[in-house]
Protein backbone atom coordinates (compact mmCIF):
# COMPACT_ATOMS: atom_id res chain seq x y z
CA UNK A 1 -21.24 22.72 -7.84
CA UNK A 2 -22.72 19.63 -9.50
CA UNK A 3 -19.38 19.03 -11.23
CA UNK A 4 -17.52 19.11 -7.90
CA UNK A 5 -19.98 16.72 -6.27
CA UNK A 6 -19.72 14.39 -9.28
CA UNK A 7 -15.89 14.44 -9.15
CA UNK A 8 -15.91 13.79 -5.40
CA UNK A 9 -18.39 10.93 -5.84
CA UNK A 10 -16.20 9.32 -8.50
CA UNK A 11 -13.21 9.83 -6.18
CA UNK A 12 -15.08 7.99 -3.40
CA UNK A 13 -15.91 5.16 -5.79
CA UNK A 14 -12.26 4.89 -6.81
CA UNK A 15 -11.13 4.85 -3.18
CA UNK A 16 -13.73 2.12 -2.50
CA UNK A 17 -12.14 0.02 -5.24
CA UNK A 18 -8.69 0.69 -3.86
CA UNK A 19 -9.89 -0.29 -0.37
CA UNK A 20 -11.24 -3.57 -1.73
CA UNK A 21 -7.88 -4.28 -3.38
CA UNK A 22 -6.04 -3.51 -0.16
CA UNK A 23 -8.28 -5.92 1.70
CA UNK A 24 -7.54 -8.60 -0.90
CA UNK A 25 -3.85 -7.90 -0.46
CA UNK A 26 -3.81 -8.83 3.24
CA UNK A 27 -4.22 -12.63 2.84
CA UNK A 28 -1.90 -12.53 -0.18
CA UNK A 29 0.83 -10.98 1.99
CA UNK A 30 0.21 -13.56 4.71
CA UNK A 31 0.50 -16.48 2.29
CA UNK A 32 3.47 -14.92 0.49
CA UNK A 33 1.96 -15.25 -2.99
CA UNK A 34 4.31 -12.94 -4.88
CA UNK A 35 2.58 -13.35 -8.24
CA UNK A 36 -0.78 -12.26 -6.87
CA UNK A 37 0.85 -9.46 -4.88
CA UNK A 38 2.43 -8.17 -8.06
CA UNK A 39 -0.90 -8.28 -9.89
CA UNK A 40 -2.66 -6.40 -7.09
CA UNK A 41 0.11 -3.80 -7.01
CA UNK A 42 -0.32 -3.20 -10.74
CA UNK A 43 -4.06 -2.70 -10.23
CA UNK A 44 -3.33 -0.28 -7.40
CA UNK A 45 -1.16 1.75 -9.78
CA UNK A 46 -4.12 2.04 -12.15
CA UNK A 47 -6.31 3.29 -9.29
CA UNK A 48 -3.62 5.78 -8.30
CA UNK A 49 -3.55 7.11 -11.85
CA UNK A 50 -7.33 7.52 -11.83
CA UNK A 51 -7.12 9.33 -8.50
CA UNK A 52 -4.54 11.76 -9.91
CA UNK A 53 -6.84 12.57 -12.82
CA UNK A 54 -9.81 13.03 -10.49
CA UNK A 55 -7.73 15.28 -8.25
CA UNK A 56 -6.91 17.50 -11.21
CA UNK A 57 -10.62 17.67 -12.07
CA UNK A 58 -11.42 18.53 -8.46
CA UNK A 59 -8.87 21.36 -8.51
CA UNK A 60 -10.40 22.78 -11.69
CA UNK A 61 -13.90 22.59 -10.20
CA UNK A 62 -12.73 24.28 -6.99
CA UNK A 63 -11.04 27.06 -9.00
CA UNK A 64 -14.23 27.62 -10.98
CA UNK A 65 -16.27 27.80 -7.78
CA UNK A 66 -13.71 30.16 -6.22
CA UNK A 67 -13.96 32.46 -9.24
CA UNK A 68 -17.76 32.52 -9.04
CA UNK A 69 -17.65 33.22 -5.29
CA UNK A 70 -14.83 35.75 -5.68
CA UNK A 71 -12.62 33.79 -3.27
CA UNK A 72 -9.02 32.67 -3.49
CA UNK A 73 -8.84 29.13 -4.84
CA UNK A 74 -6.00 28.11 -2.52
CA UNK A 75 -7.99 29.04 0.60
CA UNK A 76 -11.28 27.47 -0.48
CA UNK A 77 -11.74 24.08 1.20
CA UNK A 78 -14.75 21.79 1.37
CA UNK A 79 -15.42 22.90 4.95
CA UNK A 80 -15.40 26.57 3.92
CA UNK A 81 -17.55 25.79 0.91
CA UNK A 82 -20.06 23.95 3.10
CA UNK A 83 -20.29 27.01 5.35
CA UNK A 84 -20.79 29.28 2.35
CA UNK A 85 -23.60 27.04 1.09
CA UNK A 86 -25.63 27.36 4.30
CA UNK A 87 -28.33 29.18 2.31
CA UNK A 88 -28.57 26.33 -0.22
CA UNK A 89 -29.37 23.24 1.88
CA UNK A 90 -29.71 20.82 -1.06
CA UNK A 91 -26.22 21.42 -2.41
CA UNK A 92 -24.76 21.75 1.09
CA UNK A 93 -26.24 18.42 2.21
CA UNK A 94 -24.99 16.66 -0.93
CA UNK A 95 -21.51 18.10 -0.39
CA UNK A 96 -21.53 17.13 3.30
CA UNK A 97 -22.60 13.57 2.41
CA UNK A 98 -19.88 13.09 -0.18
CA UNK A 99 -17.23 14.65 2.11
CA UNK A 100 -18.21 12.35 4.99
CA UNK A 101 -18.17 9.31 2.70
CA UNK A 102 -14.75 10.30 1.40
CA UNK A 103 -13.39 10.73 4.93
CA UNK A 104 -14.69 7.30 5.98
CA UNK A 105 -13.26 5.44 3.01
CA UNK A 106 -9.87 7.18 3.26
CA UNK A 107 -9.72 6.38 7.00
CA UNK A 108 -10.56 2.71 6.34
CA UNK A 109 -7.98 2.57 3.55
CA UNK A 110 -5.34 4.07 5.81
CA UNK A 111 -6.01 1.42 8.47
CA UNK A 112 -5.84 -1.49 6.03
CA UNK A 113 -2.66 -0.10 4.47
CA UNK A 114 -1.04 0.28 7.90
CA UNK A 115 -1.93 -3.34 8.68
CA UNK A 116 -0.51 -4.49 5.34
CA UNK A 117 2.62 -2.44 5.94
CA UNK A 118 3.16 -4.14 9.30
CA UNK A 119 2.64 -7.55 7.72
CA UNK A 120 5.19 -6.73 5.02
CA UNK A 121 7.71 -5.54 7.63
CA UNK A 122 7.25 -8.78 9.56
CA UNK A 123 7.68 -10.82 6.36
CA UNK A 124 10.89 -8.97 5.55
CA UNK A 125 12.20 -9.51 9.08
CA UNK A 126 11.39 -13.21 8.82
CA UNK A 127 13.27 -13.48 5.52
CA UNK A 128 16.24 -11.68 7.07
CA UNK A 129 16.27 -14.08 10.03
CA UNK A 130 16.16 -17.04 7.64
CA UNK A 131 18.99 -15.56 5.54
CA UNK A 132 21.10 -14.97 8.65
CA UNK A 133 20.45 -18.55 9.78
CA UNK A 134 21.51 -19.92 6.39
CA UNK A 135 24.65 -17.77 6.37
CA UNK A 136 25.59 -18.81 9.89
CA UNK A 137 25.13 -22.45 8.96
CA UNK A 138 27.45 -22.02 5.98
CA UNK A 139 30.08 -20.33 8.10
CA UNK A 140 30.00 -22.92 10.86
CA UNK A 141 33.36 -23.63 12.51
CA UNK A 142 35.59 -26.32 11.13
CA UNK A 143 35.89 -29.54 13.03
CA UNK A 144 39.26 -30.87 14.11
CA UNK A 145 39.14 -33.90 11.81
CA UNK A 146 42.37 -34.95 10.20
CA UNK A 147 43.05 -37.16 7.21
CA UNK A 148 45.63 -39.95 7.03
CA UNK A 149 48.26 -37.48 5.89
CA UNK A 150 47.65 -35.39 9.06
CA UNK A 151 45.89 -32.62 7.18
CA UNK A 152 42.71 -30.96 8.36
CA UNK A 153 39.76 -32.30 6.33
CA UNK A 154 37.98 -28.92 6.34
CA UNK A 155 34.67 -30.42 7.44
CA UNK A 156 32.31 -28.00 9.12
CA UNK A 157 29.66 -28.44 11.76
CA UNK A 158 26.08 -28.20 10.58
CA UNK A 159 25.15 -28.34 6.91
CA UNK A 160 27.74 -29.69 4.53
CA UNK A 161 28.60 -27.45 1.61
CA UNK A 162 27.94 -28.46 -1.96
CA UNK A 163 26.00 -31.66 -1.31
CA UNK A 164 23.67 -31.23 -4.26
CA UNK A 165 23.16 -34.51 -6.00
CA UNK A 166 21.97 -34.03 -9.61
CA UNK A 167 21.36 -37.78 -10.05
CA UNK A 168 18.39 -37.80 -7.68
């Protein structure tokens, strides 16, 4: 039981770190700092790897507890385990505390990630609008300007094409 509580506590700590990173990511998304966003994403990958390892440890601990209690491991949840531990208030209270902490941090992380997701969607939409605007400016209609030889000059309305001056 102590092993399970320890694994769940370390899982909470890892989720707390991930939550802090997600909160740092919000202003980075708003400012559009791609370098910092990339760095944060790499750190998040490290946290995800730690969480996978902790999840495996949790599964092993739950299987061990299920074997001791003569229960099926796939049906044993924290809620069921808390009910089973009603006769052992110390362990039950510790398990309830860590479960509640885990639920709170995962809920907070979910909310911050949803907010960040919306910000990213808005950023992508803004980039698409800007790209469409640039494309429409480049494909502006030709003007009816003719040269001395009575040929169309090919000038377009809006932004002129290829006006990059390397001398400046």
